[in-house]
Structures are given as structure tokens and as C-alpha cells.
Amino acid sequence: MASTTAFKDRNLIAVIGDEDSITGLLLAGIGHVNEHQRKNFLVVDSKTQISTIEAAFQEFTQRKDIAIVLINQHIAEKIRPTVDRYQEAFPTLLEIPSKDHPYDPSKDSVLKRVQKLFGE
């Protein structure tokens, strides 16, 4: 089992979301820009390319300072194969609803894994 010291530096939340979700979370204080000018959020709109979303997802899941990655569920659908392949415990991946797209538990990759574990 990994020691807790391996996770002590994970103190940020990263977000991939629509403008409303990002704005709300930034107002709540999650925004961060590190010394390399790398942000911990990506605003996705209709012009954002899938490759940009996937690149941000890969970056956020590989960074050692991020503990949780939040992604709007409708955006996770755009990169579903990448999201479904992600199996790591840290950073934890959570799919969240947005103002215009309600949460659908049947699409949540984490919930699917839990159901599979319990044989449902």
C-alpha cells in the first residue's frame, strides 16, 4: 500500500467544464495558476476541439498536485473512451452535472465500475 506521503502534495481540484460550471467553481476559490503558467481548469465551449479536451484530461490526471478532477458529464461523453480507460485512484475523477445538462447515472464511469464490482 502506498504511503500517505505520496499523496500529501495533492491539494488542488482540476475542472473541465462549461463556462457556468467553471465560473462558479472559480468564484468558490478553486482557481490556480502554477509557476509554469499552467491552470487547473479548462473552459469548454462549442468551439473547443476534442483533442484539446483530451490533452487537458491527460495533463490533469498526470499532475502530482491535483487530488480531484471534476468534469461535466456531457463533456466526459465527448471523450468517453479516454474517461473509461482511466482507472487510477489519484487524482479521483468525478463526473458532475451542469446547468443545462442533468446528471445521468447510467453514463457515469465511476458508478459503472462500482456496479460491476457489486455484480449489478
PDB file of N, CA and C in Angstrom:
ATOM      1  N   MET A   1       0.846  -1.188   0.000  1.00  0.00           N
ATOM      2  CA  MET A   1       0.000   0.000   0.000  1.00  0.00           C
ATOM      3  C   MET A   1       0.886   1.245   0.000  1.00  0.00           C
ATOM      4  N   ALA A   2       0.526   2.219  -0.768  1.00  0.00           N
ATOM      5  CA  ALA A   2       1.311   3.443  -0.873  1.00  0.00           C
ATOM      6  C   ALA A   2       1.194   4.252   0.410  1.00  0.00           C
ATOM      7  N   SER A   3       2.262   4.894   0.760  1.00  0.00           N
ATOM      8  CA  SER A   3       2.243   5.716   1.966  1.00  0.00           C
ATOM      9  C   SER A   3       1.502   7.015   1.703  1.00  0.00           C
ATOM     10  N   THR A   4       1.060   7.628   2.775  1.00  0.00           N
ATOM     11  CA  THR A   4       0.329   8.891   2.636  1.00  0.00           C
ATOM     12  C   THR A   4       1.226  10.014   2.179  1.00  0.00           C
ATOM     13  N   THR A   5       2.537   9.877   2.354  1.00  0.00           N
ATOM     14  CA  THR A   5       3.439  10.936   1.899  1.00  0.00           C
ATOM     15  C   THR A   5       3.424  11.074   0.382  1.00  0.00           C
ATOM     16  N   ALA A   6       3.065  10.004  -0.331  1.00  0.00           N
ATOM     17  CA  ALA A   6       2.992  10.078  -1.793  1.00  0.00           C
ATOM     18  C   ALA A   6       1.832  10.970  -2.243  1.00  0.00           C
ATOM     19  N   PHE A   7       0.865  11.185  -1.373  1.00  0.00           N
ATOM     20  CA  PHE A   7      -0.330  11.946  -1.734  1.00  0.00           C
ATOM     21  C   PHE A   7      -0.415  13.297  -1.028  1.00  0.00           C
ATOM     22  N   LYS A   8       0.572  13.631  -0.187  1.00  0.00           N
ATOM     23  CA  LYS A   8       0.471  14.850   0.609  1.00  0.00           C
ATOM     24  C   LYS A   8       0.507  16.126  -0.224  1.00  0.00           C
ATOM     25  N   ASP A   9       1.117  16.073  -1.401  1.00  0.00           N
ATOM     26  CA  ASP A   9       1.201  17.261  -2.240  1.00  0.00           C
ATOM     27  C   ASP A   9       0.008  17.447  -3.158  1.00  0.00           C
ATOM     28  N   ARG A  10      -0.902  16.514  -3.144  1.00  0.00           N
ATOM     29  CA  ARG A  10      -2.106  16.621  -3.979  1.00  0.00           C
ATOM     30  C   ARG A  10      -3.123  17.486  -3.234  1.00  0.00           C
ATOM     31  N   ASN A  11      -3.172  18.762  -3.561  1.00  0.00           N
ATOM     32  CA  ASN A  11      -4.043  19.672  -2.821  1.00  0.00           C
ATOM     33  C   ASN A  11      -4.914  20.542  -3.722  1.00  0.00           C
ATOM     34  N   LEU A  12      -4.966  20.225  -5.020  1.00  0.00           N
ATOM     35  CA  LEU A  12      -5.769  21.033  -5.939  1.00  0.00           C
ATOM     36  C   LEU A  12      -6.922  20.232  -6.529  1.00  0.00           C
ATOM     37  N   ILE A  13      -7.944  20.943  -6.929  1.00  0.00           N
ATOM     38  CA  ILE A  13      -9.045  20.382  -7.699  1.00  0.00           C
ATOM     39  C   ILE A  13      -8.922  20.931  -9.107  1.00  0.00           C
ATOM     40  N   ALA A  14      -8.978  20.059 -10.104  1.00  0.00           N
ATOM     41  CA  ALA A  14      -8.960  20.489 -11.506  1.00  0.00           C
ATOM     42  C   ALA A  14     -10.373  20.333 -12.066  1.00  0.00           C
ATOM     43  N   VAL A  15     -10.727  21.194 -13.005  1.00  0.00           N
ATOM     44  CA  VAL A  15     -12.073  21.164 -13.578  1.00  0.00           C
ATOM     45  C   VAL A  15     -12.008  21.285 -15.090  1.00  0.00           C
ATOM     46  N   ILE A  16     -12.762  20.430 -15.761  1.00  0.00           N
ATOM     47  CA  ILE A  16     -13.004  20.544 -17.198  1.00  0.00           C
ATOM     48  C   ILE A  16     -14.506  20.721 -17.314  1.00  0.00           C
ATOM     49  N   GLY A  17     -14.924  21.916 -17.717  1.00  0.00           N
ATOM     50  CA  GLY A  17     -16.362  22.162 -17.701  1.00  0.00           C
ATOM     51  C   GLY A  17     -16.787  23.312 -18.589  1.00  0.00           C
ATOM     52  N   ASP A  18     -18.098  23.517 -18.613  1.00  0.00           N
ATOM     53  CA  ASP A  18     -18.642  24.632 -19.377  1.00  0.00           C
ATOM     54  C   ASP A  18     -18.408  25.935 -18.601  1.00  0.00           C
ATOM     55  N   GLU A  19     -18.696  27.034 -19.243  1.00  0.00           N
ATOM     56  CA  GLU A  19     -18.390  28.341 -18.652  1.00  0.00           C
ATOM     57  C   GLU A  19     -19.086  28.559 -17.309  1.00  0.00           C
ATOM     58  N   ASP A  20     -20.348  28.155 -17.200  1.00  0.00           N
ATOM     59  CA  ASP A  20     -21.081  28.358 -15.944  1.00  0.00           C
ATOM     60  C   ASP A  20     -20.469  27.550 -14.800  1.00  0.00           C
ATOM     61  N   SER A  21     -20.123  26.302 -15.063  1.00  0.00           N
ATOM     62  CA  SER A  21     -19.531  25.456 -14.024  1.00  0.00           C
ATOM     63  C   SER A  21     -18.174  25.995 -13.582  1.00  0.00           C
ATOM     64  N   ILE A  22     -17.344  26.362 -14.551  1.00  0.00           N
ATOM     65  CA  ILE A  22     -16.013  26.889 -14.231  1.00  0.00           C
ATOM     66  C   ILE A  22     -16.127  28.194 -13.452  1.00  0.00           C
ATOM     67  N   THR A  23     -17.017  29.075 -13.899  1.00  0.00           N
ATOM     68  CA  THR A  23     -17.183  30.362 -13.214  1.00  0.00           C
ATOM     69  C   THR A  23     -17.574  30.159 -11.756  1.00  0.00           C
ATOM     70  N   GLY A  24     -18.549  29.291 -11.517  1.00  0.00           N
ATOM     71  CA  GLY A  24     -18.984  29.022 -10.141  1.00  0.00           C
ATOM     72  C   GLY A  24     -17.871  28.464  -9.286  1.00  0.00           C
ATOM     73  N   LEU A  25     -17.114  27.515  -9.837  1.00  0.00           N
ATOM     74  CA  LEU A  25     -16.028  26.911  -9.064  1.00  0.00           C
ATOM     75  C   LEU A  25     -14.864  27.887  -8.857  1.00  0.00           C
ATOM     76  N   LEU A  26     -14.603  28.732  -9.840  1.00  0.00           N
ATOM     77  CA  LEU A  26     -13.563  29.755  -9.652  1.00  0.00           C
ATOM     78  C   LEU A  26     -13.974  30.751  -8.570  1.00  0.00           C
ATOM     79  N   LEU A  27     -15.249  31.131  -8.555  1.00  0.00           N
ATOM     80  CA  LEU A  27     -15.738  32.035  -7.510  1.00  0.00           C
ATOM     81  C   LEU A  27     -15.662  31.384  -6.134  1.00  0.00           C
ATOM     82  N   ALA A  28     -15.748  30.046  -6.109  1.00  0.00           N
ATOM     83  CA  ALA A  28     -15.625  29.314  -4.843  1.00  0.00           C
ATOM     84  C   ALA A  28     -14.171  29.189  -4.401  1.00  0.00           C
ATOM     85  N   GLY A  29     -13.241  29.527  -5.286  1.00  0.00           N
ATOM     86  CA  GLY A  29     -11.838  29.584  -4.890  1.00  0.00           C
ATOM     87  C   GLY A  29     -10.950  28.453  -5.365  1.00  0.00           C
ATOM     88  N   ILE A  30     -11.351  27.681  -6.366  1.00  0.00           N
ATOM     89  CA  ILE A  30     -10.510  26.560  -6.777  1.00  0.00           C
ATOM     90  C   ILE A  30      -9.459  26.939  -7.808  1.00  0.00           C
ATOM     91  N   GLY A  31      -9.521  28.127  -8.368  1.00  0.00           N
ATOM     92  CA  GLY A  31      -8.599  28.521  -9.429  1.00  0.00           C
ATOM     93  C   GLY A  31      -7.150  28.592  -8.967  1.00  0.00           C
ATOM     94  N   HIS A  32      -6.254  28.108  -9.828  1.00  0.00           N
ATOM     95  CA  HIS A  32      -4.830  28.142  -9.503  1.00  0.00           C
ATOM     96  C   HIS A  32      -4.029  28.177 -10.799  1.00  0.00           C
ATOM     97  N   VAL A  33      -3.003  29.005 -10.823  1.00  0.00           N
ATOM     98  CA  VAL A  33      -2.051  29.040 -11.935  1.00  0.00           C
ATOM     99  C   VAL A  33      -0.681  28.829 -11.306  1.00  0.00           C
ATOM    100  N   ASN A  34       0.032  27.775 -11.746  1.00  0.00           N
ATOM    101  CA  ASN A  34       1.319  27.471 -11.113  1.00  0.00           C
ATOM    102  C   ASN A  34       2.455  28.287 -11.721  1.00  0.00           C
ATOM    103  N   GLU A  35       3.674  28.006 -11.275  1.00  0.00           N
ATOM    104  CA  GLU A  35       4.834  28.782 -11.714  1.00  0.00           C
ATOM    105  C   GLU A  35       5.136  28.621 -13.200  1.00  0.00           C
ATOM    106  N   HIS A  36       4.600  27.579 -13.833  1.00  0.00           N
ATOM    107  CA  HIS A  36       4.779  27.358 -15.270  1.00  0.00           C
ATOM    108  C   HIS A  36       3.582  27.888 -16.077  1.00  0.00           C
ATOM    109  N   GLN A  37       2.738  28.693 -15.436  1.00  0.00           N
ATOM    110  CA  GLN A  37       1.546  29.288 -16.048  1.00  0.00           C
ATOM    111  C   GLN A  37       0.527  28.231 -16.490  1.00  0.00           C
ATOM    112  N   ARG A  38       0.508  27.092 -15.811  1.00  0.00           N
ATOM    113  CA  ARG A  38      -0.457  26.035 -16.111  1.00  0.00           C
ATOM    114  C   ARG A  38      -1.649  26.183 -15.174  1.00  0.00           C
ATOM    115  N   LYS A  39      -2.824  26.278 -15.769  1.00  0.00           N
ATOM    116  CA  LYS A  39      -4.053  26.428 -14.990  1.00  0.00           C
ATOM    117  C   LYS A  39      -4.581  25.055 -14.582  1.00  0.00           C
ATOM    118  N   ASN A  40      -5.464  25.057 -13.595  1.00  0.00           N
ATOM    119  CA  ASN A  40      -6.087  23.815 -13.167  1.00  0.00           C
ATOM    120  C   ASN A  40      -7.548  23.722 -13.638  1.00  0.00           C
ATOM    121  N   PHE A  41      -7.845  24.406 -14.733  1.00  0.00           N
ATOM    122  CA  PHE A  41      -9.200  24.345 -15.284  1.00  0.00           C
ATOM    123  C   PHE A  41      -9.159  24.561 -16.786  1.00  0.00           C
ATOM    124  N   LEU A  42     -10.195  24.041 -17.441  1.00  0.00           N
ATOM    125  CA  LEU A  42     -10.366  24.237 -18.883  1.00  0.00           C
ATOM    126  C   LEU A  42     -11.826  24.572 -19.132  1.00  0.00           C
ATOM    127  N   VAL A  43     -12.068  25.712 -19.746  1.00  0.00           N
ATOM    128  CA  VAL A  43     -13.422  26.104 -20.138  1.00  0.00           C
ATOM    129  C   VAL A  43     -13.692  25.508 -21.514  1.00  0.00           C
ATOM    130  N   VAL A  44     -14.743  24.703 -21.609  1.00  0.00           N
ATOM    131  CA  VAL A  44     -15.105  24.044 -22.864  1.00  0.00           C
ATOM    132  C   VAL A  44     -16.358  24.708 -23.417  1.00  0.00           C
ATOM    133  N   ASP A  45     -16.279  25.106 -24.686  1.00  0.00           N
ATOM    134  CA  ASP A  45     -17.466  25.624 -25.368  1.00  0.00           C
ATOM    135  C   ASP A  45     -17.639  24.863 -26.683  1.00  0.00           C
ATOM    136  N   SER A  46     -18.542  25.318 -27.517  1.00  0.00           N
ATOM    137  CA  SER A  46     -18.842  24.597 -28.764  1.00  0.00           C
ATOM    138  C   SER A  46     -17.666  24.594 -29.734  1.00  0.00           C
ATOM    139  N   LYS A  47     -16.722  25.514 -29.562  1.00  0.00           N
ATOM    140  CA  LYS A  47     -15.572  25.597 -30.470  1.00  0.00           C
ATOM    141  C   LYS A  47     -14.363  24.804 -29.972  1.00  0.00           C
ATOM    142  N   THR A  48     -14.432  24.289 -28.755  1.00  0.00           N
ATOM    143  CA  THR A  48     -13.300  23.557 -28.194  1.00  0.00           C
ATOM    144  C   THR A  48     -13.161  22.206 -28.888  1.00  0.00           C
ATOM    145  N   GLN A  49     -11.972  21.921 -29.366  1.00  0.00           N
ATOM    146  CA  GLN A  49     -11.734  20.664 -30.064  1.00  0.00           C
ATOM    147  C   GLN A  49     -11.603  19.512 -29.075  1.00  0.00           C
ATOM    148  N   ILE A  50     -11.999  18.322 -29.526  1.00  0.00           N
ATOM    149  CA  ILE A  50     -11.914  17.118 -28.706  1.00  0.00           C
ATOM    150  C   ILE A  50     -10.466  16.884 -28.267  1.00  0.00           C
ATOM    151  N   SER A  51      -9.519  17.127 -29.152  1.00  0.00           N
ATOM    152  CA  SER A  51      -8.104  16.919 -28.815  1.00  0.00           C
ATOM    153  C   SER A  51      -7.662  17.826 -27.668  1.00  0.00           C
ATOM    154  N   THR A  52      -8.216  19.021 -27.593  1.00  0.00           N
ATOM    155  CA  THR A  52      -7.886  19.945 -26.500  1.00  0.00           C
ATOM    156  C   THR A  52      -8.428  19.415 -25.176  1.00  0.00           C
ATOM    157  N   ILE A  53      -9.654  18.887 -25.209  1.00  0.00           N
ATOM    158  CA  ILE A  53     -10.260  18.315 -24.002  1.00  0.00           C
ATOM    159  C   ILE A  53      -9.449  17.109 -23.538  1.00  0.00           C
ATOM    160  N   GLU A  54      -9.097  16.240 -24.477  1.00  0.00           N
ATOM    161  CA  GLU A  54      -8.315  15.051 -24.120  1.00  0.00           C
ATOM    162  C   GLU A  54      -6.938  15.432 -23.574  1.00  0.00           C
ATOM    163  N   ALA A  55      -6.316  16.434 -24.161  1.00  0.00           N
ATOM    164  CA  ALA A  55      -4.994  16.884 -23.681  1.00  0.00           C
ATOM    165  C   ALA A  55      -5.096  17.420 -22.254  1.00  0.00           C
ATOM    166  N   ALA A  56      -6.135  18.198 -21.964  1.00  0.00           N
ATOM    167  CA  ALA A  56      -6.321  18.723 -20.607  1.00  0.00           C
ATOM    168  C   ALA A  56      -6.589  17.587 -19.632  1.00  0.00           C
ATOM    169  N   PHE A  57      -7.393  16.618 -20.045  1.00  0.00           N
ATOM    170  CA  PHE A  57      -7.691  15.457 -19.193  1.00  0.00           C
ATOM    171  C   PHE A  57      -6.397  14.710 -18.870  1.00  0.00           C
ATOM    172  N   GLN A  58      -5.585  14.462 -19.886  1.00  0.00           N
ATOM    173  CA  GLN A  58      -4.320  13.762 -19.671  1.00  0.00           C
ATOM    174  C   GLN A  58      -3.403  14.565 -18.743  1.00  0.00           C
ATOM    175  N   GLU A  59      -3.315  15.871 -18.985  1.00  0.00           N
ATOM    176  CA  GLU A  59      -2.460  16.709 -18.139  1.00  0.00           C
ATOM    177  C   GLU A  59      -2.919  16.676 -16.691  1.00  0.00           C
ATOM    178  N   PHE A  60      -4.228  16.876 -16.462  1.00  0.00           N
ATOM    179  CA  PHE A  60      -4.750  16.938 -15.096  1.00  0.00           C
ATOM    180  C   PHE A  60      -4.600  15.602 -14.371  1.00  0.00           C
ATOM    181  N   THR A  61      -4.756  14.496 -15.072  1.00  0.00           N
ATOM    182  CA  THR A  61      -4.655  13.189 -14.414  1.00  0.00           C
ATOM    183  C   THR A  61      -3.202  12.774 -14.185  1.00  0.00           C
ATOM    184  N   GLN A  62      -2.249  13.450 -14.823  1.00  0.00           N
ATOM    185  CA  GLN A  62      -0.837  13.125 -14.623  1.00  0.00           C
ATOM    186  C   GLN A  62      -0.130  14.075 -13.663  1.00  0.00           C
ATOM    187  N   ARG A  63      -0.743  15.219 -13.399  1.00  0.00           N
ATOM    188  CA  ARG A  63      -0.117  16.181 -12.488  1.00  0.00           C
ATOM    189  C   ARG A  63      -0.111  15.648 -11.056  1.00  0.00           C
ATOM    190  N   LYS A  64       0.964  15.895 -10.344  1.00  0.00           N
ATOM    191  CA  LYS A  64       1.124  15.380  -8.982  1.00  0.00           C
ATOM    192  C   LYS A  64       0.560  16.314  -7.911  1.00  0.00           C
ATOM    193  N   ASP A  65       0.065  17.491  -8.326  1.00  0.00           N
ATOM    194  CA  ASP A  65      -0.508  18.420  -7.358  1.00  0.00           C
ATOM    195  C   ASP A  65      -2.035  18.407  -7.365  1.00  0.00           C
ATOM    196  N   ILE A  66      -2.638  17.568  -8.187  1.00  0.00           N
ATOM    197  CA  ILE A  66      -4.094  17.519  -8.303  1.00  0.00           C
ATOM    198  C   ILE A  66      -4.633  16.279  -7.605  1.00  0.00           C
ATOM    199  N   ALA A  67      -5.616  16.490  -6.729  1.00  0.00           N
ATOM    200  CA  ALA A  67      -6.228  15.390  -5.978  1.00  0.00           C
ATOM    201  C   ALA A  67      -7.535  14.929  -6.606  1.00  0.00           C
ATOM    202  N   ILE A  68      -8.285  15.858  -7.200  1.00  0.00           N
ATOM    203  CA  ILE A  68      -9.602  15.554  -7.759  1.00  0.00           C
ATOM    204  C   ILE A  68      -9.733  16.227  -9.119  1.00  0.00           C
ATOM    205  N   VAL A  69     -10.269  15.499 -10.089  1.00  0.00           N
ATOM    206  CA  VAL A  69     -10.594  16.076 -11.396  1.00  0.00           C
ATOM    207  C   VAL A  69     -12.108  16.031 -11.543  1.00  0.00           C
ATOM    208  N   LEU A  70     -12.715  17.196 -11.669  1.00  0.00           N
ATOM    209  CA  LEU A  70     -14.146  17.297 -11.925  1.00  0.00           C
ATOM    210  C   LEU A  70     -14.334  17.535 -13.414  1.00  0.00           C
ATOM    211  N   ILE A  71     -15.293  16.833 -14.001  1.00  0.00           N
ATOM    212  CA  ILE A  71     -15.591  17.035 -15.420  1.00  0.00           C
ATOM    213  C   ILE A  71     -17.099  16.994 -15.601  1.00  0.00           C
ATOM    214  N   ASN A  72     -17.619  17.967 -16.346  1.00  0.00           N
ATOM    215  CA  ASN A  72     -19.054  17.938 -16.658  1.00  0.00           C
ATOM    216  C   ASN A  72     -19.356  16.659 -17.422  1.00  0.00           C
ATOM    217  N   GLN A  73     -20.444  16.011 -17.051  1.00  0.00           N
ATOM    218  CA  GLN A  73     -20.765  14.723 -17.658  1.00  0.00           C
ATOM    219  C   GLN A  73     -20.957  14.815 -19.169  1.00  0.00           C
ATOM    220  N   HIS A  74     -21.577  15.887 -19.643  1.00  0.00           N
ATOM    221  CA  HIS A  74     -21.778  15.997 -21.087  1.00  0.00           C
ATOM    222  C   HIS A  74     -20.448  16.207 -21.826  1.00  0.00           C
ATOM    223  N   ILE A  75     -19.452  16.738 -21.153  1.00  0.00           N
ATOM    224  CA  ILE A  75     -18.126  16.871 -21.753  1.00  0.00           C
ATOM    225  C   ILE A  75     -17.386  15.532 -21.678  1.00  0.00           C
ATOM    226  N   ALA A  76     -17.566  14.816 -20.583  1.00  0.00           N
ATOM    227  CA  ALA A  76     -16.963  13.481 -20.464  1.00  0.00           C
ATOM    228  C   ALA A  76     -17.465  12.564 -21.581  1.00  0.00           C
ATOM    229  N   GLU A  77     -18.699  12.766 -22.008  1.00  0.00           N
ATOM    230  CA  GLU A  77     -19.256  11.958 -23.107  1.00  0.00           C
ATOM    231  C   GLU A  77     -18.463  12.161 -24.400  1.00  0.00           C
ATOM    232  N   LYS A  78     -17.914  13.343 -24.578  1.00  0.00           N
ATOM    233  CA  LYS A  78     -17.147  13.631 -25.792  1.00  0.00           C
ATOM    234  C   LYS A  78     -15.833  12.858 -25.828  1.00  0.00           C
ATOM    235  N   ILE A  79     -15.308  12.529 -24.660  1.00  0.00           N
ATOM    236  CA  ILE A  79     -14.054  11.775 -24.580  1.00  0.00           C
ATOM    237  C   ILE A  79     -14.274  10.481 -23.786  1.00  0.00           C
ATOM    238  N   ARG A  80     -15.438   9.888 -23.915  1.00  0.00           N
ATOM    239  CA  ARG A  80     -15.826   8.727 -23.106  1.00  0.00           C
ATOM    240  C   ARG A  80     -14.795   7.592 -23.122  1.00  0.00           C
ATOM    241  N   PRO A  81     -14.230   7.194 -24.269  1.00  0.00           N
ATOM    242  CA  PRO A  81     -13.242   6.103 -24.215  1.00  0.00           C
ATOM    243  C   PRO A  81     -12.048   6.437 -23.315  1.00  0.00           C
ATOM    244  N   THR A  82     -11.588   7.678 -23.359  1.00  0.00           N
ATOM    245  CA  THR A  82     -10.467   8.104 -22.520  1.00  0.00           C
ATOM    246  C   THR A  82     -10.862   8.090 -21.049  1.00  0.00           C
ATOM    247  N   VAL A  83     -12.047   8.584 -20.750  1.00  0.00           N
ATOM    248  CA  VAL A  83     -12.533   8.612 -19.369  1.00  0.00           C
ATOM    249  C   VAL A  83     -12.709   7.190 -18.839  1.00  0.00           C
ATOM    250  N   ASP A  84     -13.267   6.301 -19.648  1.00  0.00           N
ATOM    251  CA  ASP A  84     -13.497   4.922 -19.209  1.00  0.00           C
ATOM    252  C   ASP A  84     -12.192   4.160 -18.994  1.00  0.00           C
ATOM    253  N   ARG A  85     -11.136   4.513 -19.717  1.00  0.00           N
ATOM    254  CA  ARG A  85      -9.838   3.851 -19.540  1.00  0.00           C
ATOM    255  C   ARG A  85      -9.126   4.292 -18.266  1.00  0.00           C
ATOM    256  N   TYR A  86      -9.489   5.451 -17.742  1.00  0.00           N
ATOM    257  CA  TYR A  86      -8.818   5.973 -16.552  1.00  0.00           C
ATOM    258  C   TYR A  86      -9.218   5.140 -15.333  1.00  0.00           C
ATOM    259  N   GLN A  87      -8.246   4.537 -14.666  1.00  0.00           N
ATOM    260  CA  GLN A  87      -8.506   3.620 -13.551  1.00  0.00           C
ATOM    261  C   GLN A  87      -7.810   4.012 -12.245  1.00  0.00           C
ATOM    262  N   GLU A  88      -7.091   5.092 -12.232  1.00  0.00           N
ATOM    263  CA  GLU A  88      -6.291   5.452 -11.056  1.00  0.00           C
ATOM    264  C   GLU A  88      -7.159   5.995  -9.918  1.00  0.00           C
ATOM    265  N   ALA A  89      -6.647   5.817  -8.698  1.00  0.00           N
ATOM    266  CA  ALA A  89      -7.347   6.349  -7.524  1.00  0.00           C
ATOM    267  C   ALA A  89      -7.080   7.842  -7.346  1.00  0.00           C
ATOM    268  N   PHE A  90      -5.848   8.259  -7.693  1.00  0.00           N
ATOM    269  CA  PHE A  90      -5.479   9.668  -7.558  1.00  0.00           C
ATOM    270  C   PHE A  90      -4.892  10.170  -8.855  1.00  0.00           C
ATOM    271  N   PRO A  91      -5.322  11.272  -9.352  1.00  0.00           N
ATOM    272  CA  PRO A  91      -6.441  12.047  -8.842  1.00  0.00           C
ATOM    273  C   PRO A  91      -7.767  11.345  -9.112  1.00  0.00           C
ATOM    274  N   THR A  92      -8.674  11.522  -8.191  1.00  0.00           N
ATOM    275  CA  THR A  92     -10.005  10.940  -8.310  1.00  0.00           C
ATOM    276  C   THR A  92     -10.776  11.678  -9.393  1.00  0.00           C
ATOM    277  N   LEU A  93     -11.496  10.933 -10.208  1.00  0.00           N
ATOM    278  CA  LEU A  93     -12.286  11.509 -11.299  1.00  0.00           C
ATOM    279  C   LEU A  93     -13.757  11.489 -10.925  1.00  0.00           C
ATOM    280  N   LEU A  94     -14.398  12.647 -10.980  1.00  0.00           N
ATOM    281  CA  LEU A  94     -15.826  12.747 -10.682  1.00  0.00           C
ATOM    282  C   LEU A  94     -16.534  13.469 -11.822  1.00  0.00           C
ATOM    283  N   GLU A  95     -17.613  12.866 -12.300  1.00  0.00           N
ATOM    284  CA  GLU A  95     -18.442  13.495 -13.328  1.00  0.00           C
ATOM    285  C   GLU A  95     -19.552  14.258 -12.630  1.00  0.00           C
ATOM    286  N   ILE A  96     -19.731  15.504 -13.036  1.00  0.00           N
ATOM    287  CA  ILE A  96     -20.713  16.374 -12.394  1.00  0.00           C
ATOM    288  C   ILE A  96     -21.701  16.902 -13.440  1.00  0.00           C
ATOM    289  N   PRO A  97     -22.914  17.244 -12.999  1.00  0.00           N
ATOM    290  CA  PRO A  97     -23.885  17.823 -13.939  1.00  0.00           C
ATOM    291  C   PRO A  97     -23.546  19.281 -14.222  1.00  0.00           C
ATOM    292  N   SER A  98     -24.214  19.830 -15.197  1.00  0.00           N
ATOM    293  CA  SER A  98     -24.103  21.259 -15.463  1.00  0.00           C
ATOM    294  C   SER A  98     -25.506  21.846 -15.457  1.00  0.00           C
ATOM    295  N   LYS A  99     -25.562  23.145 -15.571  1.00  0.00           N
ATOM    296  CA  LYS A  99     -26.851  23.829 -15.535  1.00  0.00           C
ATOM    297  C   LYS A  99     -27.793  23.336 -16.633  1.00  0.00           C
ATOM    298  N   ASP A 100     -27.258  23.105 -17.816  1.00  0.00           N
ATOM    299  CA  ASP A 100     -28.088  22.732 -18.962  1.00  0.00           C
ATOM    300  C   ASP A 100     -28.151  21.235 -19.229  1.00  0.00           C
ATOM    301  N   HIS A 101     -27.341  20.443 -18.528  1.00  0.00           N
ATOM    302  CA  HIS A 101     -27.288  19.001 -18.763  1.00  0.00           C
ATOM    303  C   HIS A 101     -27.375  18.274 -17.428  1.00  0.00           C
ATOM    304  N   PRO A 102     -28.517  17.673 -17.113  1.00  0.00           N
ATOM    305  CA  PRO A 102     -28.662  16.982 -15.825  1.00  0.00           C
ATOM    306  C   PRO A 102     -27.780  15.735 -15.746  1.00  0.00           C
ATOM    307  N   TYR A 103     -27.537  15.302 -14.530  1.00  0.00           N
ATOM    308  CA  TYR A 103     -26.721  14.114 -14.273  1.00  0.00           C
ATOM    309  C   TYR A 103     -27.472  12.859 -14.714  1.00  0.00           C
ATOM    310  N   ASP A 104     -26.780  11.962 -15.414  1.00  0.00           N
ATOM    311  CA  ASP A 104     -27.355  10.686 -15.836  1.00  0.00           C
ATOM    312  C   ASP A 104     -26.486   9.572 -15.256  1.00  0.00           C
ATOM    313  N   PRO A 105     -26.955   8.889 -14.205  1.00  0.00           N
ATOM    314  CA  PRO A 105     -26.129   7.869 -13.559  1.00  0.00           C
ATOM    315  C   PRO A 105     -25.729   6.722 -14.493  1.00  0.00           C
ATOM    316  N   SER A 106     -26.497   6.463 -15.524  1.00  0.00           N
ATOM    317  CA  SER A 106     -26.178   5.358 -16.429  1.00  0.00           C
ATOM    318  C   SER A 106     -24.926   5.632 -17.269  1.00  0.00           C
ATOM    319  N   LYS A 107     -24.484   6.894 -17.325  1.00  0.00           N
ATOM    320  CA  LYS A 107     -23.303   7.251 -18.111  1.00  0.00           C
ATOM    321  C   LYS A 107     -22.055   7.445 -17.258  1.00  0.00           C
ATOM    322  N   ASP A 108     -22.191   7.459 -15.946  1.00  0.00           N
ATOM    323  CA  ASP A 108     -21.076   7.747 -15.044  1.00  0.00           C
ATOM    324  C   ASP A 108     -20.115   6.562 -14.972  1.00  0.00           C
ATOM    325  N   SER A 109     -18.864   6.782 -15.366  1.00  0.00           N
ATOM    326  CA  SER A 109     -17.872   5.699 -15.415  1.00  0.00           C
ATOM    327  C   SER A 109     -17.556   5.142 -14.027  1.00  0.00           C
ATOM    328  N   VAL A 110     -17.508   5.999 -13.016  1.00  0.00           N
ATOM    329  CA  VAL A 110     -17.217   5.532 -11.663  1.00  0.00           C
ATOM    330  C   VAL A 110     -18.369   4.672 -11.145  1.00  0.00           C
ATOM    331  N   LEU A 111     -19.583   5.127 -11.356  1.00  0.00           N
ATOM    332  CA  LEU A 111     -20.748   4.367 -10.910  1.00  0.00           C
ATOM    333  C   LEU A 111     -20.832   3.020 -11.632  1.00  0.00           C
ATOM    334  N   LYS A 112     -20.482   2.988 -12.910  1.00  0.00           N
ATOM    335  CA  LYS A 112     -20.464   1.723 -13.659  1.00  0.00           C
ATOM    336  C   LYS A 112     -19.479   0.736 -13.043  1.00  0.00           C
ATOM    337  N   ARG A 113     -18.297   1.238 -12.654  1.00  0.00           N
ATOM    338  CA  ARG A 113     -17.299   0.351 -12.040  1.00  0.00           C
ATOM    339  C   ARG A 113     -17.772  -0.180 -10.701  1.00  0.00           C
ATOM    340  N   VAL A 114     -18.423   0.665  -9.903  1.00  0.00           N
ATOM    341  CA  VAL A 114     -18.938   0.233  -8.610  1.00  0.00           C
ATOM    342  C   VAL A 114     -20.015  -0.835  -8.803  1.00  0.00           C
ATOM    343  N   GLN A 115     -20.906  -0.602  -9.746  1.00  0.00           N
ATOM    344  CA  GLN A 115     -21.964  -1.575 -10.027  1.00  0.00           C
ATOM    345  C   GLN A 115     -21.374  -2.889 -10.494  1.00  0.00           C
ATOM    346  N   LYS A 116     -20.336  -2.836 -11.303  1.00  0.00           N
ATOM    347  CA  LYS A 116     -19.675  -4.040 -11.803  1.00  0.00           C
ATOM    348  C   LYS A 116     -19.034  -4.805 -10.635  1.00  0.00           C
ATOM    349  N   LEU A 117     -18.437  -4.054  -9.700  1.00  0.00           N
ATOM    350  CA  LEU A 117     -17.807  -4.657  -8.549  1.00  0.00           C
ATOM    351  C   LEU A 117     -18.814  -5.422  -7.702  1.00  0.00           C
ATOM    352  N   PHE A 118     -20.021  -4.874  -7.566  1.00  0.00           N
ATOM    353  CA  PHE A 118     -21.058  -5.489  -6.763  1.00  0.00           C
ATOM    354  C   PHE A 118     -21.926  -6.447  -7.566  1.00  0.00           C
ATOM    355  N   GLY A 119     -21.589  -6.659  -8.822  1.00  0.00           N
ATOM    356  CA  GLY A 119     -22.303  -7.619  -9.643  1.00  0.00           C
ATOM    357  C   GLY A 119     -23.692  -7.178 -10.072  1.00  0.00           C
ATOM    358  N   GLU A 120     -23.905  -5.897 -10.148  1.00  0.00           N
ATOM    359  CA  GLU A 120     -25.228  -5.388 -10.547  1.00  0.00           C
ATOM    360  C   GLU A 120     -25.302  -5.203 -12.052  1.00  0.00           C
TER     361      GLU A 120
END
